[in-house]
């Protein structure tokens, strides 16, 4: 994971970093939603 942050600061991959960040945020957000749903399902 730390290597991804280093690649984002690399000028050669500057054009790709926003897409990578967006995908990373979407995946991370999906995991949060899934975990939250499981917690609510257990409490219900």
Protein backbone atom coordinates (compact mmCIF):
# COMPACT_ATOMS: atom_id res chain seq x y z
CA UNK A 1 0.00 0.00 0.00
CA UNK A 2 2.80 2.43 0.80
CA UNK A 3 4.24 1.96 -2.69
CA UNK A 4 1.01 3.31 -4.20
CA UNK A 5 1.52 6.64 -2.44
CA UNK A 6 5.05 6.82 -3.82
CA UNK A 7 3.80 6.15 -7.36
CA UNK A 8 1.24 8.96 -7.01
CA UNK A 9 4.06 11.44 -6.40
CA UNK A 10 5.86 10.17 -9.51
CA UNK A 11 5.41 12.69 -12.40
CA UNK A 12 5.28 9.84 -14.92
CA UNK A 13 2.20 8.37 -13.23
CA UNK A 14 0.60 11.69 -12.32
CA UNK A 15 -2.16 11.19 -14.91
CA UNK A 16 -3.06 7.78 -13.52
CA UNK A 17 -3.03 8.68 -9.83
CA UNK A 18 -6.47 10.38 -9.69
CA UNK A 19 -8.08 7.27 -11.16
CA UNK A 20 -6.19 5.02 -8.77
CA UNK A 21 -7.20 7.21 -5.84
CA UNK A 22 -10.85 7.23 -6.94
CA UNK A 23 -10.89 3.43 -7.27
CA UNK A 24 -9.15 3.04 -3.92
CA UNK A 25 -11.64 5.36 -2.23
CA UNK A 26 -14.61 3.56 -3.84
CA UNK A 27 -13.37 0.14 -2.73
CA UNK A 28 -12.61 1.42 0.77
CA UNK A 29 -16.04 3.07 0.96
CA UNK A 30 -17.73 -0.14 -0.18
CA UNK A 31 -15.95 -2.05 2.60
CA UNK A 32 -17.13 0.49 5.18
CA UNK A 33 -20.73 0.24 3.96
CA UNK A 34 -20.60 -3.56 3.98
CA UNK A 35 -19.15 -3.65 7.50
CA UNK A 36 -21.72 -1.11 8.75
CA UNK A 37 -24.54 -3.15 7.20
CA UNK A 38 -23.32 -6.29 8.95
CA UNK A 39 -23.19 -4.47 12.29
CA UNK A 40 -26.74 -3.17 11.85
CA UNK A 41 -27.91 -6.61 10.77
CA UNK A 42 -26.45 -8.19 13.93
CA UNK A 43 -28.01 -5.56 16.21
CA UNK A 44 -31.44 -5.80 14.57
